[in-house]
Protein backbone atom coordinates (compact mmCIF):
# COMPACT_ATOMS: atom_id res chain seq x y z
CA MET A 1 11.59 22.22 -12.09
CA ARG A 2 10.80 25.62 -10.65
CA LEU A 3 10.01 26.61 -7.09
CA SER A 4 6.56 27.81 -8.12
CA ASP A 5 5.71 24.19 -9.00
CA PHE A 6 5.75 23.40 -5.26
CA ASP A 7 2.97 25.65 -4.08
CA TYR A 8 -0.55 25.10 -2.77
CA GLU A 9 -3.41 27.21 -1.44
CA LEU A 10 -3.83 27.10 2.33
CA PRO A 11 -6.61 28.93 4.16
CA PRO A 12 -5.04 30.64 7.22
CA GLU A 13 -7.61 29.10 9.56
CA LEU A 14 -6.09 25.64 8.92
CA ILE A 15 -2.78 26.65 10.54
CA ALA A 16 -2.85 25.07 14.01
CA GLN A 17 -2.37 27.66 16.75
CA GLU A 18 -2.58 25.21 19.66
CA PRO A 19 -1.53 21.58 20.13
CA PRO A 20 -4.31 18.99 20.18
CA ALA A 21 -5.85 18.29 23.57
CA GLU A 22 -4.04 14.94 23.64
CA ARG A 23 -0.56 14.41 22.19
CA ASP A 24 -1.49 11.42 20.03
CA ALA A 25 -4.89 12.72 18.87
CA ALA A 26 -3.75 14.00 15.45
CA ARG A 27 -5.25 12.88 12.18
CA MET A 28 -2.86 11.03 9.84
CA LEU A 29 -3.05 11.04 6.06
CA VAL A 30 -1.48 7.81 4.81
CA LEU A 31 0.12 7.84 1.35
CA HIS A 32 0.54 4.45 -0.36
CA ARG A 33 3.09 5.16 -3.08
CA ALA A 34 2.91 1.79 -4.84
CA GLU A 35 -0.87 2.05 -5.26
CA GLN A 36 -0.93 5.84 -5.70
CA ARG A 37 -3.71 6.25 -3.18
CA PHE A 38 -4.11 7.97 0.17
CA GLU A 39 -6.46 7.40 3.07
CA ASP A 40 -7.58 9.32 6.15
CA ARG A 41 -6.52 7.64 9.37
CA SER A 42 -5.45 8.70 12.88
CA PHE A 43 -1.96 8.85 14.35
CA ARG A 44 -2.95 6.31 17.02
CA GLU A 45 -3.14 3.77 14.18
CA LEU A 46 0.54 4.23 13.29
CA PRO A 47 1.66 0.92 14.90
CA ALA A 48 -0.70 -0.96 12.57
CA PHE A 49 1.43 0.22 9.63
CA LEU A 50 4.68 -1.02 11.19
CA ARG A 51 6.04 -4.54 10.81
CA PRO A 52 8.90 -6.74 12.02
CA GLY A 53 12.16 -5.62 10.45
CA ASP A 54 11.23 -1.92 10.58
CA CYS A 55 13.45 0.61 12.31
CA LEU A 56 11.57 3.67 13.55
CA VAL A 57 14.08 6.55 13.75
CA LEU A 58 13.41 9.38 16.21
CA ASN A 59 15.24 12.70 16.54
CA ASP A 60 15.79 13.19 20.28
CA SER A 61 17.10 16.76 20.12
CA ARG A 62 15.69 18.98 22.87
CA VAL A 63 14.35 22.46 22.13
CA LEU A 64 16.03 25.29 24.00
CA ALA A 65 13.91 28.07 25.48
CA SER A 66 16.02 30.17 23.14
CA ARG A 67 14.04 33.43 22.86
CA LEU A 68 15.38 36.01 25.30
CA LEU A 69 13.63 39.35 25.81
CA ALA A 70 15.37 42.60 26.73
CA GLY A 71 12.73 45.28 26.93
CA ARG A 72 11.58 45.90 23.36
CA SER A 73 14.52 43.96 21.95
CA GLU A 74 14.74 40.22 21.39
CA MET A 75 17.44 37.61 20.89
CA LEU A 76 17.04 34.16 19.35
CA LEU A 77 19.93 31.85 20.21
CA LEU A 78 21.05 29.59 17.36
CA GLU A 79 24.07 27.61 18.53
CA PRO A 80 26.87 27.80 21.12
CA LEU A 81 30.31 28.74 19.80
CA SER A 82 32.38 28.01 22.91
CA GLU A 83 32.80 25.06 25.27
CA ASN A 84 31.48 26.99 28.27
CA ALA A 85 28.47 28.26 26.23
CA ARG A 86 29.42 31.89 26.93
CA GLU A 87 29.56 32.74 23.20
CA TRP A 88 26.68 32.04 20.81
CA ARG A 89 25.52 32.70 17.29
CA ALA A 90 22.18 34.50 17.51
CA LEU A 91 19.61 36.62 15.73
CA VAL A 92 18.54 39.93 17.26
CA ARG A 93 15.62 42.29 16.77
CA PRO A 94 15.47 45.10 15.85
CA GLY A 95 18.47 44.11 13.78
CA LYS A 96 19.28 47.55 12.37
CA LYS A 97 19.46 49.21 15.78
CA ILE A 98 21.59 46.67 17.68
CA LYS A 99 25.28 47.20 16.93
CA VAL A 100 28.59 45.57 17.85
CA GLY A 101 29.45 46.69 21.38
CA ASP A 102 25.85 47.01 22.51
CA VAL A 103 24.73 45.12 25.61
CA MET A 104 21.30 43.49 25.81
CA ARG A 105 20.23 43.12 29.45
CA PHE A 106 17.66 40.40 30.21
CA ASP A 107 17.46 41.03 33.95
CA ASP A 108 19.72 42.24 36.78
CA ARG A 109 21.79 39.03 36.68
CA PHE A 110 22.10 38.17 32.99
CA ALA A 111 23.10 40.12 29.87
CA ALA A 112 24.81 39.65 26.50
CA GLU A 113 27.29 41.81 24.62
CA ILE A 114 27.20 41.90 20.81
CA ILE A 115 30.77 41.14 19.71
CA ALA A 116 30.50 40.50 15.95
CA HIS A 117 28.17 40.84 12.97
CA GLY A 118 27.67 37.89 10.60
CA GLU A 119 27.16 37.79 6.83
CA ARG A 120 23.49 36.79 6.99
CA GLY A 121 22.44 39.21 9.71
CA GLU A 122 23.26 36.95 12.64
CA ARG A 123 25.39 38.18 15.55
CA THR A 124 28.05 36.64 17.74
CA VAL A 125 27.17 37.39 21.36
CA ARG A 126 28.98 36.87 24.66
CA PHE A 127 27.00 36.35 27.86
CA VAL A 128 28.11 38.24 30.96
CA GLY A 129 27.21 37.52 34.56
CA ASP A 130 27.98 34.85 37.13
CA GLU A 131 25.00 32.59 36.45
CA ASP A 132 25.39 29.36 34.47
CA VAL A 133 24.31 30.18 30.91
CA TYR A 134 21.97 27.24 30.48
CA ALA A 135 20.41 27.84 33.90
CA ALA A 136 19.77 31.46 32.92
CA ILE A 137 18.29 30.44 29.57
CA GLU A 138 15.99 27.98 31.33
CA ARG A 139 14.96 30.67 33.83
CA LEU A 140 14.43 33.55 31.40
CA GLY A 141 13.90 32.00 27.99
CA HIS A 142 10.72 31.59 25.98
CA MET A 143 9.97 28.67 23.69
CA PRO A 144 10.77 29.62 20.05
CA LEU A 145 7.34 29.03 18.53
CA PRO A 146 7.39 29.58 14.75
CA PRO A 147 6.06 32.89 13.44
CA TYR A 148 2.90 31.38 11.95
CA ILE A 149 1.73 30.62 15.52
CA ARG A 150 0.33 34.05 16.17
CA ARG A 151 0.27 34.11 19.95
CA PRO A 152 2.82 34.45 22.75
CA ASP A 153 4.27 31.23 24.10
CA GLU A 154 2.57 29.86 27.20
CA ALA A 155 3.68 27.68 30.10
CA ALA A 156 2.11 24.63 28.41
CA ASP A 157 4.38 25.06 25.37
CA ARG A 158 7.38 24.12 27.54
CA GLU A 159 5.99 20.58 27.50
CA ARG A 160 3.99 20.41 24.28
CA TYR A 161 6.62 21.97 21.98
CA GLN A 162 8.97 19.19 23.08
CA THR A 163 8.92 15.48 22.28
CA VAL A 164 8.50 12.98 25.12
CA PHE A 165 11.85 11.43 24.14
CA ALA A 166 13.83 14.71 23.91
CA ARG A 167 17.25 14.39 25.51
CA GLU A 168 20.15 16.48 24.23
CA ARG A 169 19.44 20.24 24.20
CA GLY A 170 20.31 22.19 21.09
CA SER A 171 17.33 22.83 18.76
CA VAL A 172 15.74 26.19 18.02
CA ALA A 173 12.61 24.47 16.70
CA ALA A 174 10.92 21.19 17.53
CA PRO A 175 11.32 18.15 15.28
CA THR A 176 7.55 18.35 14.95
CA ALA A 177 6.72 14.88 13.60
CA GLY A 178 7.89 13.53 16.95
CA LEU A 179 5.47 15.68 18.95
CA HIS A 180 2.65 13.15 18.40
CA PHE A 181 4.35 10.26 20.19
CA THR A 182 3.50 9.04 23.68
CA GLY A 183 5.09 6.25 25.68
CA GLU A 184 2.11 4.05 24.85
CA ILE A 185 2.49 4.56 21.09
CA LEU A 186 6.19 3.73 21.32
CA ASP A 187 5.38 0.55 23.26
CA ARG A 188 2.81 -0.44 20.62
CA ALA A 189 5.36 0.24 17.87
CA ARG A 190 7.77 -2.18 19.57
CA GLY A 191 4.89 -4.62 19.97
CA ALA A 192 4.39 -4.51 16.20
CA GLY A 193 7.99 -5.71 15.81
CA ALA A 194 9.68 -2.40 15.00
CA HIS A 195 13.02 -1.46 16.50
CA ILE A 196 13.46 2.13 17.66
CA ALA A 197 16.66 4.08 17.05
CA HIS A 198 17.42 7.54 18.40
CA ILE A 199 19.47 10.03 16.42
CA THR A 200 20.19 13.68 17.25
CA LEU A 201 19.95 16.55 14.79
CA HIS A 202 19.77 20.02 16.28
CA VAL A 203 17.20 21.94 14.28
CA GLY A 204 18.57 25.32 13.23
CA LEU A 205 17.93 28.07 10.73
CA GLY A 206 17.98 25.58 7.87
CA THR A 207 14.44 24.58 8.80
CA PHE A 208 13.05 28.09 8.32
CA GLN A 209 15.40 29.49 5.70
CA PRO A 210 13.33 30.68 2.73
CA ILE A 211 14.22 29.65 -0.80
CA GLU A 212 14.57 32.86 -2.76
CA ARG A 213 15.21 31.59 -6.29
CA GLU A 214 13.04 29.79 -8.79
CA ASP A 215 15.99 27.60 -9.88
CA PHE A 216 16.11 26.12 -6.37
CA GLU A 217 18.71 23.44 -7.19
CA ASN A 218 21.41 26.03 -6.45
CA HIS A 219 19.96 26.91 -3.04
CA GLN A 220 22.28 26.33 -0.05
CA LEU A 221 20.87 25.21 3.30
CA HIS A 222 22.37 26.27 6.61
CA SER A 223 24.37 23.45 8.21
CA GLU A 224 22.90 21.69 11.24
CA ARG A 225 24.76 19.60 13.83
CA PHE A 226 23.90 15.91 14.16
CA SER A 227 25.14 12.63 15.59
CA ILE A 228 24.13 8.99 15.30
CA ALA A 229 25.46 6.59 17.93
CA PRO A 230 27.07 3.34 16.69
CA GLU A 231 24.28 1.16 18.08
CA ALA A 232 21.62 3.32 16.39
CA TRP A 233 23.51 3.17 13.10
CA ARG A 234 23.65 -0.63 13.33
CA GLU A 235 19.87 -0.73 13.82
CA ILE A 236 19.39 1.53 10.79
CA GLU A 237 21.79 -0.40 8.54
CA SER A 238 20.31 -3.80 9.43
CA ALA A 239 16.65 -2.77 9.09
CA GLU A 240 14.48 -4.14 6.31
CA ARG A 241 12.75 -0.76 6.18
CA VAL A 242 13.79 2.53 7.78
CA VAL A 243 10.79 4.61 8.89
CA ALA A 244 12.10 8.11 9.57
CA VAL A 245 10.14 10.33 11.93
CA GLY A 246 10.48 13.82 10.49
CA THR A 247 12.53 15.49 7.79
CA THR A 248 15.36 16.05 10.27
CA SER A 249 15.76 12.30 10.77
CA VAL A 250 15.74 11.80 7.00
CA ARG A 251 18.51 14.34 6.44
CA ALA A 252 20.68 12.88 9.20
CA ILE A 253 20.25 9.29 7.96
CA GLU A 254 20.88 10.23 4.34
CA SER A 255 23.96 12.38 5.04
CA GLY A 256 26.36 9.46 4.63
CA LYS A 257 28.17 9.88 7.94
CA THR A 258 27.35 9.44 11.61
CA SER A 259 28.29 12.85 13.05
CA GLY A 260 29.27 16.39 12.19
CA THR A 261 27.16 18.89 10.28
CA THR A 262 24.88 18.50 7.30
CA ASN A 263 23.42 20.91 4.78
CA LEU A 264 21.99 18.10 2.65
CA PHE A 265 19.27 19.51 0.41
CA ILE A 266 16.86 16.83 -0.79
CA TYR A 267 14.51 17.63 -3.67
CA PRO A 268 12.80 15.61 -6.45
CA GLY A 269 15.29 13.51 -8.33
CA TYR A 270 17.19 12.56 -5.17
CA ARG A 271 17.77 8.79 -4.78
CA PHE A 272 17.16 7.69 -1.19
CA ARG A 273 19.80 5.28 0.05
CA ARG A 274 18.34 4.20 3.39
CA VAL A 275 14.97 5.82 4.17
CA GLY A 276 12.01 3.74 3.00
CA ALA A 277 9.09 5.49 4.73
CA MET A 278 8.50 8.71 6.63
CA LEU A 279 6.13 10.23 9.16
CA THR A 280 6.01 14.01 8.82
CA ASN A 281 3.80 16.99 9.55
CA PHE A 282 2.43 19.22 6.79
CA HIS A 283 4.89 21.86 5.60
CA LEU A 284 4.77 25.37 4.22
CA PRO A 285 4.60 25.78 0.45
CA ARG A 286 7.77 26.56 -1.53
CA THR A 287 10.09 25.29 1.24
CA SER A 288 12.94 22.78 1.40
CA LEU A 289 10.77 20.59 3.67
CA LEU A 290 7.99 20.30 1.09
CA LEU A 291 10.60 19.57 -1.58
CA LEU A 292 11.91 16.69 0.55
CA VAL A 293 8.39 15.28 0.90
CA CYS A 294 7.92 15.50 -2.88
CA ALA A 295 11.27 13.76 -3.40
CA LEU A 296 10.08 10.77 -1.37
CA ALA A 297 6.40 10.60 -2.35
CA GLY A 298 6.59 11.96 -5.90
CA THR A 299 5.67 15.55 -6.65
CA ASP A 300 2.25 15.07 -8.26
CA PHE A 301 1.16 12.50 -5.67
CA ALA A 302 2.39 14.59 -2.71
CA LEU A 303 0.72 17.79 -3.93
CA ALA A 304 -2.51 15.91 -4.62
CA ALA A 305 -2.38 14.66 -1.03
CA TYR A 306 -1.85 18.23 0.20
CA ARG A 307 -4.85 19.44 -1.76
CA HIS A 308 -6.90 16.62 -0.22
CA ALA A 309 -5.66 17.59 3.26
CA VAL A 310 -6.79 21.19 2.68
CA ALA A 311 -10.21 20.06 1.41
CA ALA A 312 -10.58 17.68 4.38
CA GLN A 313 -9.55 20.47 6.77
CA TYR A 314 -6.50 18.84 8.28
CA ARG A 315 -4.58 21.04 10.73
CA PHE A 316 -1.27 22.29 9.32
CA PHE A 317 2.31 22.88 10.47
CA SER A 318 4.01 22.40 13.86
CA TYR A 319 1.01 21.75 16.10
CA GLY A 320 -1.04 20.21 13.30
CA ASP A 321 -1.79 16.78 11.88
CA CYS A 322 0.62 14.41 10.14
CA MET A 323 1.27 12.36 7.02
CA LEU A 324 2.67 8.84 6.74
CA ILE A 325 4.43 8.10 3.43
CA LEU A 326 4.72 4.36 2.74
């Protein structure tokens, strides 16, 4: 296998720039693996595909407003490195101009000093000022919309780039398959007999990290922090079928432990131990996320479904439509 085998043509106008008017209004392409067929449905029909004995697994990580602006400079917070959240790993722009010892000032009350330079271009930063760090981030931060959304973040993104079940803060990107859910859909899923389990995986750089080699099997993902509570793990282990919502849930469930960090890289040939079905958004070509989808659905079948989604003008990526793999 080569990375170039996992490519597809995508017209730029199909990349969703705004969320749908209603959270649960997305289209849903359903892939039936056993029959090797797919069908066009809507996300609101998801509960009809659930059954007693299913466990629907949701990633409840909360997205931080982690983009901080300092004049013409910018900082993207990645993860806290100290208990009091004063020290963080971060990316800065313009990277070549911001050196160790420099101070980035976000307003009169809040600033950060660059204290170390990392191997992959990231920085270690220390916040200065009397204000609680998380309070300052909430006050000053912008939602970290992905670069293919070519507009500034807006007030509405504070709600829409966040799942309705988000709880523990820590992600630098939304677990986007969860963005479609409403309280009503969750109630209907329970009504169909499915149990719901919450896990937490804080989405980090691993989600966006490009694969730079054709022989992708030797690619290393960034590690991401996750935890699965004992009661959630019991629900997952006892389920007849685990329906993971998003690639982040898949990677947490398949990591073989209930907490810590994971850099699990799933690509075709991987044998799934627990996940039996997945709801996911459409992903960029030549990425680890698309490779994971191909691992579960089968490469030829998954890429055929992607070509159909392009022809049928589905909306792609974070604010776009979704795919249910059964």
